[in-house]
């Protein structure tokens, strides 16, 4: 088997990857040269970066994202149906709702596709925490737009999702930056275990989604339910700001290179790597059915039942 070390070193020399993570440098194995004095980076309690510190933030982020899924199709159908959905004679316009929801989700994800890799490069320069807070805020902005308009304005919701996409926020953004955070604070020998912890907390938060749906039914109010989801997102951003410390010390960051921020650079990196094209293909094959079902599944169930 070909040794990938020369390739990784070449990529690190060009600023394509952070070679410190490839060498297994971690907080738990090498002490940083001095403490970070910035309150923003160290947090209120000056905790050491670890997987345990970030898991609550991952849980809240995914909870906010998935908590809207059971009720969002109902909102979308009501936007494109001229009659009262509670009326027995009303014929919901599922096709129109599905069409426009798919269009705006595609726009958001296309924008995120171009921006998210650049956010990863920026985080290698300025640190993980600013990008984590940035993405956490854009995660609950669509919820805020629904809450303020009482889920009655498709323009407010769809425009907010597109704006979030332009700034790199999508369903996959926070997962990618959390993976980078965990890679910073773990060694190569136990990194897979900690990635497993992240996957477990993701699954746990998704299991909470049916309970949130029950809560929505119990409240009998769109505004109250959306308020709870929005506040969860705000609490998550505050938690990240005050508790989660920076994981990437200044002496481990890459230097800023403007040419590396062009979207075409990620394809050059994939071309140079022997691993990334195959990993990308696996991710594409795995996520396409998942997100495809998410686009049509709930509306289909509403139509059938």
Protein backbone atom coordinates (compact mmCIF):
# COMPACT_ATOMS: atom_id res chain seq x y z
CA UNK A 1 0.00 0.00 0.00
CA UNK A 2 1.32 3.46 -0.90
CA UNK A 3 2.33 5.63 2.02
CA UNK A 4 0.06 8.75 2.02
CA UNK A 5 2.42 10.75 4.25
CA UNK A 6 4.30 12.53 1.39
CA UNK A 7 1.00 13.59 -0.15
CA UNK A 8 -0.29 14.96 3.13
CA UNK A 9 2.94 16.82 3.75
CA UNK A 10 2.80 18.35 0.26
CA UNK A 11 -0.77 19.47 0.81
CA UNK A 12 0.17 20.97 4.17
CA UNK A 13 3.05 22.89 2.61
CA UNK A 14 0.59 24.45 0.16
CA UNK A 15 -1.84 25.37 2.94
CA UNK A 16 -4.43 22.85 1.74
CA UNK A 17 -4.68 20.95 5.00
CA UNK A 18 -3.66 21.45 8.60
CA UNK A 19 -0.67 19.15 8.97
CA UNK A 20 -0.80 19.31 12.77
CA UNK A 21 -3.99 17.23 12.74
CA UNK A 22 -2.43 14.70 10.35
CA UNK A 23 0.46 14.24 12.77
CA UNK A 24 -1.97 13.55 15.60
CA UNK A 25 -1.19 16.72 17.55
CA UNK A 26 -3.87 17.17 20.20
CA UNK A 27 -4.53 19.15 23.33
CA UNK A 28 -4.53 16.03 25.44
CA UNK A 29 -1.06 15.09 24.17
CA UNK A 30 0.82 18.39 23.97
CA UNK A 31 0.25 21.42 26.14
CA UNK A 32 -0.28 24.72 24.32
CA UNK A 33 2.35 27.44 24.61
CA UNK A 34 0.52 29.73 26.99
CA UNK A 35 -3.17 30.26 27.58
CA UNK A 36 -5.40 32.10 25.17
CA UNK A 37 -6.10 35.42 26.83
CA UNK A 38 -9.10 36.32 24.74
CA UNK A 39 -12.38 35.90 26.63
CA UNK A 40 -14.09 35.16 23.36
CA UNK A 41 -11.83 32.20 22.65
CA UNK A 42 -11.47 30.80 26.17
CA UNK A 43 -15.10 31.12 27.30
CA UNK A 44 -16.48 32.08 30.69
CA UNK A 45 -15.16 29.05 32.57
CA UNK A 46 -11.80 28.65 30.76
CA UNK A 47 -12.41 24.94 30.17
CA UNK A 48 -10.01 22.75 28.25
CA UNK A 49 -11.25 21.91 24.73
CA UNK A 50 -12.74 18.42 24.68
CA UNK A 51 -15.43 16.37 23.01
CA UNK A 52 -17.58 16.45 26.17
CA UNK A 53 -17.75 20.25 26.04
CA UNK A 54 -19.08 20.38 22.48
CA UNK A 55 -21.60 17.53 22.62
CA UNK A 56 -24.36 19.61 24.31
CA UNK A 57 -24.00 22.23 21.59
CA UNK A 58 -24.22 19.52 18.91
CA UNK A 59 -27.36 18.16 20.56
CA UNK A 60 -29.11 21.53 20.65
CA UNK A 61 -28.08 22.43 17.11
CA UNK A 62 -29.43 19.23 15.60
CA UNK A 63 -32.53 19.41 17.80
CA UNK A 64 -33.34 22.86 16.41
CA UNK A 65 -32.74 21.69 12.87
CA UNK A 66 -34.75 18.46 13.03
CA UNK A 67 -37.45 19.75 15.39
CA UNK A 68 -39.01 21.75 12.59
CA UNK A 69 -39.19 18.84 10.15
CA UNK A 70 -42.50 17.30 11.33
CA UNK A 71 -44.41 20.60 11.18
CA UNK A 72 -42.72 22.42 8.30
CA UNK A 73 -44.65 20.57 5.53
CA UNK A 74 -47.92 21.65 7.16
CA UNK A 75 -46.79 25.28 7.13
CA UNK A 76 -45.66 25.01 3.52
CA UNK A 77 -48.90 23.42 2.34
CA UNK A 78 -50.92 26.14 4.07
CA UNK A 79 -48.93 28.81 2.22
CA UNK A 80 -49.93 27.46 -1.19
CA UNK A 81 -53.50 26.38 -0.39
CA UNK A 82 -56.21 28.99 -0.77
CA UNK A 83 -58.75 27.26 1.46
CA UNK A 84 -58.73 26.41 5.16
CA UNK A 85 -56.86 23.14 5.72
CA UNK A 86 -59.15 22.27 8.62
CA UNK A 87 -62.15 22.32 6.33
CA UNK A 88 -63.28 18.86 5.06
CA UNK A 89 -63.91 20.30 1.59
CA UNK A 90 -60.42 21.81 1.30
CA UNK A 91 -58.02 20.29 -1.24
CA UNK A 92 -54.42 20.93 -0.11
CA UNK A 93 -52.03 21.95 -2.86
CA UNK A 94 -49.21 19.52 -2.03
CA UNK A 95 -47.61 19.68 -5.47
CA UNK A 96 -47.09 23.44 -5.40
CA UNK A 97 -45.77 23.36 -1.83
CA UNK A 98 -43.34 20.57 -2.64
CA UNK A 99 -42.14 22.33 -5.79
CA UNK A 100 -41.29 25.64 -4.12
CA UNK A 101 -39.83 24.02 -1.02
CA UNK A 102 -37.53 21.96 -3.25
CA UNK A 103 -36.50 25.00 -5.29
CA UNK A 104 -35.49 27.10 -2.30
CA UNK A 105 -33.81 24.20 -0.52
CA UNK A 106 -31.77 23.60 -3.68
CA UNK A 107 -30.76 27.27 -3.82
CA UNK A 108 -29.72 27.23 -0.18
CA UNK A 109 -27.71 24.03 -0.56
CA UNK A 110 -26.06 25.27 -3.78
CA UNK A 111 -24.94 28.44 -2.01
CA UNK A 112 -23.72 26.39 0.94
CA UNK A 113 -21.85 24.05 -1.45
CA UNK A 114 -19.79 26.99 -2.67
CA UNK A 115 -19.28 28.64 0.71
CA UNK A 116 -18.90 25.81 3.26
CA UNK A 117 -15.47 24.58 2.07
CA UNK A 118 -14.20 28.15 2.32
CA UNK A 119 -15.49 28.38 5.90
CA UNK A 120 -13.38 25.33 6.68
CA UNK A 121 -10.31 27.07 5.29
CA UNK A 122 -11.13 30.25 7.19
CA UNK A 123 -11.46 28.25 10.42
CA UNK A 124 -7.93 26.93 9.83
CA UNK A 125 -6.79 30.56 9.90
CA UNK A 126 -8.90 32.27 12.59
CA UNK A 127 -9.93 29.26 14.67
CA UNK A 128 -13.00 27.07 15.01
CA UNK A 129 -15.05 28.99 17.55
CA UNK A 130 -15.90 32.07 15.41
CA UNK A 131 -17.19 29.82 12.62
CA UNK A 132 -19.11 27.65 15.09
CA UNK A 133 -20.90 30.68 16.57
CA UNK A 134 -21.47 32.07 13.08
CA UNK A 135 -23.12 28.86 11.85
CA UNK A 136 -25.15 28.42 15.06
CA UNK A 137 -26.76 31.85 14.66
CA UNK A 138 -27.73 31.23 11.04
CA UNK A 139 -29.19 27.89 12.12
CA UNK A 140 -32.02 29.48 14.13
CA UNK A 141 -32.67 32.55 11.96
CA UNK A 142 -35.25 30.68 9.79
CA UNK A 143 -36.98 29.61 13.01
CA UNK A 144 -37.05 33.23 14.12
CA UNK A 145 -38.62 34.30 10.83
CA UNK A 146 -41.37 31.71 11.27
CA UNK A 147 -41.97 32.74 14.87
CA UNK A 148 -42.18 36.47 14.10
CA UNK A 149 -44.60 35.91 11.21
CA UNK A 150 -46.52 33.14 13.04
CA UNK A 151 -45.60 30.77 10.18
CA UNK A 152 -47.78 32.73 7.75
CA UNK A 153 -45.18 34.28 5.44
CA UNK A 154 -43.43 32.07 2.87
CA UNK A 155 -41.43 35.09 1.68
CA UNK A 156 -39.89 35.62 5.13
CA UNK A 157 -38.97 31.96 5.58
CA UNK A 158 -37.63 31.24 2.09
CA UNK A 159 -35.64 34.49 1.87
CA UNK A 160 -34.07 33.75 5.27
CA UNK A 161 -33.06 30.24 4.21
CA UNK A 162 -31.44 31.59 1.04
CA UNK A 163 -29.54 34.26 3.02
CA UNK A 164 -28.36 31.57 5.43
CA UNK A 165 -27.19 29.51 2.45
CA UNK A 166 -25.26 32.48 1.04
CA UNK A 167 -23.39 32.70 4.35
CA UNK A 168 -22.68 28.98 4.34
CA UNK A 169 -25.38 27.67 6.65
CA UNK A 170 -26.93 24.33 5.75
CA UNK A 171 -27.83 21.01 7.29
CA UNK A 172 -24.25 19.82 6.92
CA UNK A 173 -22.30 22.93 7.93
CA UNK A 174 -22.31 22.44 11.67
CA UNK A 175 -21.49 18.73 11.35
CA UNK A 176 -18.37 19.57 9.34
CA UNK A 177 -17.09 22.19 11.76
CA UNK A 178 -17.78 19.94 14.77
CA UNK A 179 -15.77 17.19 13.08
CA UNK A 180 -12.88 19.63 12.71
CA UNK A 181 -13.21 20.63 16.38
CA UNK A 182 -13.09 17.01 17.53
CA UNK A 183 -10.12 16.31 15.26
CA UNK A 184 -8.28 19.19 16.97
CA UNK A 185 -8.73 17.81 20.48
CA UNK A 186 -8.17 14.11 19.89
CA UNK A 187 -5.31 11.95 18.76
CA UNK A 188 -5.33 9.65 15.76
CA UNK A 189 -5.65 6.59 17.99
CA UNK A 190 -8.95 7.61 19.62
CA UNK A 191 -10.40 10.00 17.04
CA UNK A 192 -12.80 7.43 15.61
CA UNK A 193 -14.25 6.80 19.06
CA UNK A 194 -14.98 10.50 19.57
CA UNK A 195 -16.51 10.77 16.10
CA UNK A 196 -18.75 7.92 17.25
CA UNK A 197 -19.79 10.02 20.24
CA UNK A 198 -20.82 12.78 17.84
CA UNK A 199 -22.83 10.31 15.78
CA UNK A 200 -24.53 9.01 18.92
CA UNK A 201 -25.56 12.46 20.10
CA UNK A 202 -26.85 13.18 16.59
CA UNK A 203 -29.05 10.11 16.73
CA UNK A 204 -30.24 10.98 20.23
CA UNK A 205 -31.33 14.45 19.17
CA UNK A 206 -33.20 12.99 16.20
CA UNK A 207 -35.04 10.64 18.56
CA UNK A 208 -36.32 13.73 20.35
CA UNK A 209 -38.08 14.95 17.19
CA UNK A 210 -41.30 12.93 17.74
CA UNK A 211 -41.48 14.30 21.29
CA UNK A 212 -41.25 17.83 19.90
CA UNK A 213 -44.09 17.00 17.54
CA UNK A 214 -46.16 15.90 20.54
CA UNK A 215 -45.28 19.18 22.22
CA UNK A 216 -46.49 21.09 19.18
CA UNK A 217 -49.82 19.26 19.29
CA UNK A 218 -50.16 19.89 23.02
CA UNK A 219 -49.48 23.63 22.73
CA UNK A 220 -52.08 24.17 19.97
CA UNK A 221 -50.07 27.20 18.90
CA UNK A 222 -47.54 27.63 16.12
CA UNK A 223 -46.06 30.69 17.80
CA UNK A 224 -45.42 28.91 21.11
CA UNK A 225 -43.75 25.91 19.48
CA UNK A 226 -41.59 28.07 17.20
CA UNK A 227 -40.68 30.23 20.18
CA UNK A 228 -39.37 27.17 22.04
CA UNK A 229 -37.28 26.04 19.06
CA UNK A 230 -35.90 29.54 18.52
CA UNK A 231 -34.97 29.91 22.18
CA UNK A 232 -33.20 26.55 22.04
CA UNK A 233 -31.11 27.91 19.19
CA UNK A 234 -30.36 31.14 21.05
CA UNK A 235 -29.38 29.19 24.18
CA UNK A 236 -27.08 27.07 22.03
CA UNK A 237 -25.32 30.17 20.63
CA UNK A 238 -24.92 31.58 24.15
CA UNK A 239 -23.57 28.25 25.39
CA UNK A 240 -20.99 28.18 22.61
CA UNK A 241 -19.98 31.77 23.33
CA UNK A 242 -19.63 31.37 27.11
CA UNK A 243 -18.62 27.74 27.57
CA UNK A 244 -17.04 26.20 24.47
CA UNK A 245 -13.32 27.09 24.24
CA UNK A 246 -11.29 27.48 21.09
CA UNK A 247 -9.75 24.20 19.95
CA UNK A 248 -7.16 25.41 17.45
CA UNK A 249 -4.27 27.27 19.07
CA UNK A 250 -2.62 30.12 17.19
CA UNK A 251 0.64 28.22 16.72
CA UNK A 252 -1.27 25.45 14.90
CA UNK A 253 -3.20 27.65 12.47
CA UNK A 254 -2.51 28.07 8.77
CA UNK A 255 -1.45 31.34 7.25
CA UNK A 256 -4.02 33.25 5.22
CA UNK A 257 -3.79 32.78 1.45
CA UNK A 258 -6.44 34.50 -0.63
CA UNK A 259 -6.06 32.19 -3.62
CA UNK A 260 -6.99 29.21 -1.46
CA UNK A 261 -10.45 30.68 -0.85
CA UNK A 262 -11.63 30.23 -4.44
CA UNK A 263 -14.27 27.47 -4.74
CA UNK A 264 -12.20 25.71 -7.41
CA UNK A 265 -9.46 25.00 -4.88
CA UNK A 266 -11.49 22.23 -3.24
CA UNK A 267 -11.59 20.35 -6.56
CA UNK A 268 -7.81 20.72 -6.86
CA UNK A 269 -7.44 19.22 -3.40
CA UNK A 270 -9.68 16.30 -4.35
CA UNK A 271 -7.61 15.76 -7.49
CA UNK A 272 -4.36 15.64 -5.51
CA UNK A 273 -5.69 13.31 -2.82
CA UNK A 274 -6.14 9.57 -3.21
CA UNK A 275 -8.73 9.36 -0.43
CA UNK A 276 -11.00 12.40 -0.72
CA UNK A 277 -12.65 11.51 -4.07
CA UNK A 278 -13.77 8.14 -2.71
CA UNK A 279 -14.94 9.61 0.59
CA UNK A 280 -16.85 12.30 -1.31
CA UNK A 281 -18.50 9.69 -3.51
CA UNK A 282 -19.58 7.67 -0.47
CA UNK A 283 -21.01 10.80 1.15
CA UNK A 284 -22.87 11.68 -2.06
CA UNK A 285 -24.39 8.22 -2.38
CA UNK A 286 -25.31 8.16 1.30
CA UNK A 287 -26.82 11.61 1.71
CA UNK A 288 -28.73 11.86 -1.58
CA UNK A 289 -31.43 9.34 -0.58
CA UNK A 290 -31.53 10.72 2.96
CA UNK A 291 -32.18 14.33 1.97
CA UNK A 292 -34.35 13.26 -0.95
CA UNK A 293 -36.72 11.41 1.36
CA UNK A 294 -36.70 14.40 3.70
CA UNK A 295 -37.90 16.60 0.83
CA UNK A 296 -40.88 14.46 -0.17
CA UNK A 297 -41.47 12.00 2.64
CA UNK A 298 -43.55 14.06 5.05
CA UNK A 299 -45.65 15.67 2.33
CA UNK A 300 -46.27 12.23 0.86
CA UNK A 301 -47.40 10.92 4.26
CA UNK A 302 -49.68 13.90 4.70
CA UNK A 303 -51.19 13.19 1.31
CA UNK A 304 -51.74 9.51 2.10
CA UNK A 305 -52.94 9.77 5.69
